[in-house]
Amino acid sequence: MAHYAKVKDGIVLSVIVSSEDFLSSFSLAEGESWVQTSYNTRGAKHYGQDGNEDSGTALRANYAGIGYTYHSGNDVFYSPKPYASWSLNGTTYLWDAPVAYPDDGKVYDWDEDNLAWVEL
């Protein structure tokens, strides 16, 4: 059994657990396809059951979610853009803020109006 995203026109409609044989019994609408995804993949890295990065092979940069984009040319999934000022990282396929998240152990939220992290 594996995880599959139903994709139409580059947008993830659903994610299910299934066998490849079972999926082949479904008829898909025009423009739809099943694309395998892995919950062990995030930021183009593979993580083991313990949550730590391991030497496994990352699959399609990120685990798919409903509303995510599947870019067939790069064969990757990525989430919707969270803020207008953020840019997609072409290595991890995660969104980068224009200012790095502070590394001081505190919790912050993004303030789009001021393009800054605000301590909670």
C-alpha atoms as a PDB file:
ATOM      1  CA  MET A   1       0.000   0.000   0.000  1.00  0.00           C
ATOM      2  CA  ALA A   2       1.165   3.508  -0.797  1.00  0.00           C
ATOM      3  CA  HIS A   3      -0.147   7.068  -0.734  1.00  0.00           C
ATOM      4  CA  TYR A   4      -1.457   8.573  -3.969  1.00  0.00           C
ATOM      5  CA  ALA A   5      -2.600  12.062  -4.839  1.00  0.00           C
ATOM      6  CA  LYS A   6      -5.388  12.560  -7.355  1.00  0.00           C
ATOM      7  CA  VAL A   7      -4.218  15.460  -9.500  1.00  0.00           C
ATOM      8  CA  LYS A   8      -6.161  17.486 -12.037  1.00  0.00           C
ATOM      9  CA  ASP A   9      -4.540  20.283 -14.015  1.00  0.00           C
ATOM     10  CA  GLY A  10      -1.651  20.376 -11.535  1.00  0.00           C
ATOM     11  CA  ILE A  11      -3.808  20.690  -8.383  1.00  0.00           C
ATOM     12  CA  VAL A  12      -4.158  17.937  -5.758  1.00  0.00           C
ATOM     13  CA  LEU A  13      -7.834  17.029  -5.286  1.00  0.00           C
ATOM     14  CA  SER A  14      -7.421  14.198  -2.761  1.00  0.00           C
ATOM     15  CA  VAL A  15      -4.848  11.893  -1.170  1.00  0.00           C
ATOM     16  CA  ILE A  16      -5.567   8.232  -0.467  1.00  0.00           C
ATOM     17  CA  VAL A  17      -3.842   5.031   0.612  1.00  0.00           C
ATOM     18  CA  SER A  18      -4.205   2.327  -2.008  1.00  0.00           C
ATOM     19  CA  SER A  19      -2.525  -0.362  -4.028  1.00  0.00           C
ATOM     20  CA  GLU A  20      -1.565   0.419  -7.598  1.00  0.00           C
ATOM     21  CA  ASP A  21      -3.806  -2.423  -8.806  1.00  0.00           C
ATOM     22  CA  PHE A  22      -6.842  -0.979  -7.027  1.00  0.00           C
ATOM     23  CA  LEU A  23      -6.219   2.478  -8.520  1.00  0.00           C
ATOM     24  CA  SER A  24      -6.166   1.036 -12.013  1.00  0.00           C
ATOM     25  CA  SER A  25      -9.814  -0.016 -11.553  1.00  0.00           C
ATOM     26  CA  PHE A  26     -10.907   3.645 -11.296  1.00  0.00           C
ATOM     27  CA  SER A  27     -11.777   5.630 -14.362  1.00  0.00           C
ATOM     28  CA  LEU A  28     -10.438   9.156 -14.171  1.00  0.00           C
ATOM     29  CA  ALA A  29     -11.919  12.311 -15.642  1.00  0.00           C
ATOM     30  CA  GLU A  30     -10.026  14.073 -18.402  1.00  0.00           C
ATOM     31  CA  GLY A  31      -6.910  15.744 -17.033  1.00  0.00           C
ATOM     32  CA  GLU A  32      -6.855  13.634 -13.835  1.00  0.00           C
ATOM     33  CA  SER A  33      -4.083  11.280 -12.783  1.00  0.00           C
ATOM     34  CA  TRP A  34      -2.820   9.428  -9.727  1.00  0.00           C
ATOM     35  CA  VAL A  35       0.654  10.433  -8.534  1.00  0.00           C
ATOM     36  CA  GLN A  36       2.412   8.586  -5.725  1.00  0.00           C
ATOM     37  CA  THR A  37       3.443  10.647  -2.690  1.00  0.00           C
ATOM     38  CA  SER A  38       5.273   9.819   0.539  1.00  0.00           C
ATOM     39  CA  TYR A  39       4.536  11.112   4.032  1.00  0.00           C
ATOM     40  CA  ASN A  40       8.215  10.477   4.799  1.00  0.00           C
ATOM     41  CA  THR A  41       9.260  13.298   2.445  1.00  0.00           C
ATOM     42  CA  ARG A  42       9.475  16.983   3.345  1.00  0.00           C
ATOM     43  CA  GLY A  43      11.681  19.696   1.920  1.00  0.00           C
ATOM     44  CA  ALA A  44      13.206  17.230  -0.562  1.00  0.00           C
ATOM     45  CA  LYS A  45      14.534  15.097   2.310  1.00  0.00           C
ATOM     46  CA  HIS A  46      13.457  11.683   3.550  1.00  0.00           C
ATOM     47  CA  TYR A  47      12.570  11.114   7.201  1.00  0.00           C
ATOM     48  CA  GLY A  48      12.309   7.816   9.056  1.00  0.00           C
ATOM     49  CA  GLN A  49       9.533   6.642  11.374  1.00  0.00           C
ATOM     50  CA  ASP A  50      11.358   8.356  14.264  1.00  0.00           C
ATOM     51  CA  GLY A  51      11.011  11.742  12.535  1.00  0.00           C
ATOM     52  CA  ASN A  52      14.736  12.101  11.913  1.00  0.00           C
ATOM     53  CA  GLU A  53      16.269  12.616   8.484  1.00  0.00           C
ATOM     54  CA  ASP A  54      17.688   9.393   7.117  1.00  0.00           C
ATOM     55  CA  SER A  55      19.332   8.079   3.957  1.00  0.00           C
ATOM     56  CA  GLY A  56      16.046   7.113   2.280  1.00  0.00           C
ATOM     57  CA  THR A  57      15.072   8.523  -1.093  1.00  0.00           C
ATOM     58  CA  ALA A  58      12.839  11.602  -1.013  1.00  0.00           C
ATOM     59  CA  LEU A  59       9.794  11.288  -3.279  1.00  0.00           C
ATOM     60  CA  ARG A  60       8.547  14.384  -5.128  1.00  0.00           C
ATOM     61  CA  ALA A  61       9.988  16.915  -2.635  1.00  0.00           C
ATOM     62  CA  ASN A  62       6.957  17.020  -0.271  1.00  0.00           C
ATOM     63  CA  TYR A  63       4.014  14.935   0.833  1.00  0.00           C
ATOM     64  CA  ALA A  64       0.968  16.010  -1.166  1.00  0.00           C
ATOM     65  CA  GLY A  65      -2.012  17.695   0.450  1.00  0.00           C
ATOM     66  CA  ILE A  66      -5.366  18.831  -0.874  1.00  0.00           C
ATOM     67  CA  GLY A  67      -4.868  22.117  -2.714  1.00  0.00           C
ATOM     68  CA  TYR A  68      -1.150  21.517  -3.249  1.00  0.00           C
ATOM     69  CA  THR A  69       0.405  21.964  -6.667  1.00  0.00           C
ATOM     70  CA  TYR A  70       1.942  19.080  -8.562  1.00  0.00           C
ATOM     71  CA  HIS A  71       4.543  20.407 -10.999  1.00  0.00           C
ATOM     72  CA  SER A  72       4.934  17.586 -13.515  1.00  0.00           C
ATOM     73  CA  GLY A  73       7.996  19.131 -15.181  1.00  0.00           C
ATOM     74  CA  ASN A  74       9.953  19.046 -11.921  1.00  0.00           C
ATOM     75  CA  ASP A  75       7.987  16.054 -10.570  1.00  0.00           C
ATOM     76  CA  VAL A  76       7.344  17.749  -7.202  1.00  0.00           C
ATOM     77  CA  PHE A  77       4.511  18.689  -4.852  1.00  0.00           C
ATOM     78  CA  TYR A  78       4.386  21.992  -2.997  1.00  0.00           C
ATOM     79  CA  SER A  79       1.877  23.767  -0.771  1.00  0.00           C
ATOM     80  CA  PRO A  80      -0.132  26.876  -1.670  1.00  0.00           C
ATOM     81  CA  LYS A  81       1.777  30.147  -1.318  1.00  0.00           C
ATOM     82  CA  PRO A  82       1.203  31.382   2.255  1.00  0.00           C
ATOM     83  CA  TYR A  83       2.010  35.082   1.696  1.00  0.00           C
ATOM     84  CA  ALA A  84       2.513  37.276  -1.376  1.00  0.00           C
ATOM     85  CA  SER A  85       6.080  38.175  -0.340  1.00  0.00           C
ATOM     86  CA  TRP A  86       7.311  34.589   0.036  1.00  0.00           C
ATOM     87  CA  SER A  87       9.178  32.759  -2.718  1.00  0.00           C
ATOM     88  CA  LEU A  88       9.331  29.094  -3.630  1.00  0.00           C
ATOM     89  CA  ASN A  89      12.683  27.480  -2.884  1.00  0.00           C
ATOM     90  CA  GLY A  90      13.719  25.554  -6.005  1.00  0.00           C
ATOM     91  CA  THR A  91      15.668  22.976  -3.976  1.00  0.00           C
ATOM     92  CA  THR A  92      13.278  22.138  -1.126  1.00  0.00           C
ATOM     93  CA  TYR A  93      10.018  23.258  -2.763  1.00  0.00           C
ATOM     94  CA  LEU A  94       9.083  24.936   0.514  1.00  0.00           C
ATOM     95  CA  TRP A  95       8.147  28.626   0.760  1.00  0.00           C
ATOM     96  CA  ASP A  96      10.828  31.021   2.033  1.00  0.00           C
ATOM     97  CA  ALA A  97      10.013  34.269   3.806  1.00  0.00           C
ATOM     98  CA  PRO A  98      11.978  37.326   2.642  1.00  0.00           C
ATOM     99  CA  VAL A  99      13.459  37.448   6.177  1.00  0.00           C
ATOM    100  CA  ALA A 100      14.830  34.306   7.846  1.00  0.00           C
ATOM    101  CA  TYR A 101      12.946  32.939  10.851  1.00  0.00           C
ATOM    102  CA  PRO A 102      14.760  34.025  14.062  1.00  0.00           C
ATOM    103  CA  ASP A 103      16.905  31.320  15.632  1.00  0.00           C
ATOM    104  CA  ASP A 104      16.530  32.332  19.284  1.00  0.00           C
ATOM    105  CA  GLY A 105      14.167  29.602  20.528  1.00  0.00           C
ATOM    106  CA  LYS A 106      11.149  31.922  20.654  1.00  0.00           C
ATOM    107  CA  VAL A 107       7.910  31.512  18.671  1.00  0.00           C
ATOM    108  CA  TYR A 108       7.086  33.957  15.902  1.00  0.00           C
ATOM    109  CA  ASP A 109       4.319  34.675  13.420  1.00  0.00           C
ATOM    110  CA  TRP A 110       4.751  36.356  10.042  1.00  0.00           C
ATOM    111  CA  ASP A 111       3.520  39.954   9.648  1.00  0.00           C
ATOM    112  CA  GLU A 112       2.966  40.421   5.923  1.00  0.00           C
ATOM    113  CA  ASP A 113       2.226  44.158   6.194  1.00  0.00           C
ATOM    114  CA  ASN A 114       5.632  44.871   7.756  1.00  0.00           C
ATOM    115  CA  LEU A 115       7.512  41.947   6.175  1.00  0.00           C
ATOM    116  CA  ALA A 116       8.796  40.876   9.573  1.00  0.00           C
ATOM    117  CA  TRP A 117       8.547  38.110  12.167  1.00  0.00           C
ATOM    118  CA  VAL A 118       6.587  39.143  15.283  1.00  0.00           C
ATOM    119  CA  GLU A 119       7.168  37.359  18.567  1.00  0.00           C
ATOM    120  CA  LEU A 120       4.058  35.653  20.014  1.00  0.00           C
END
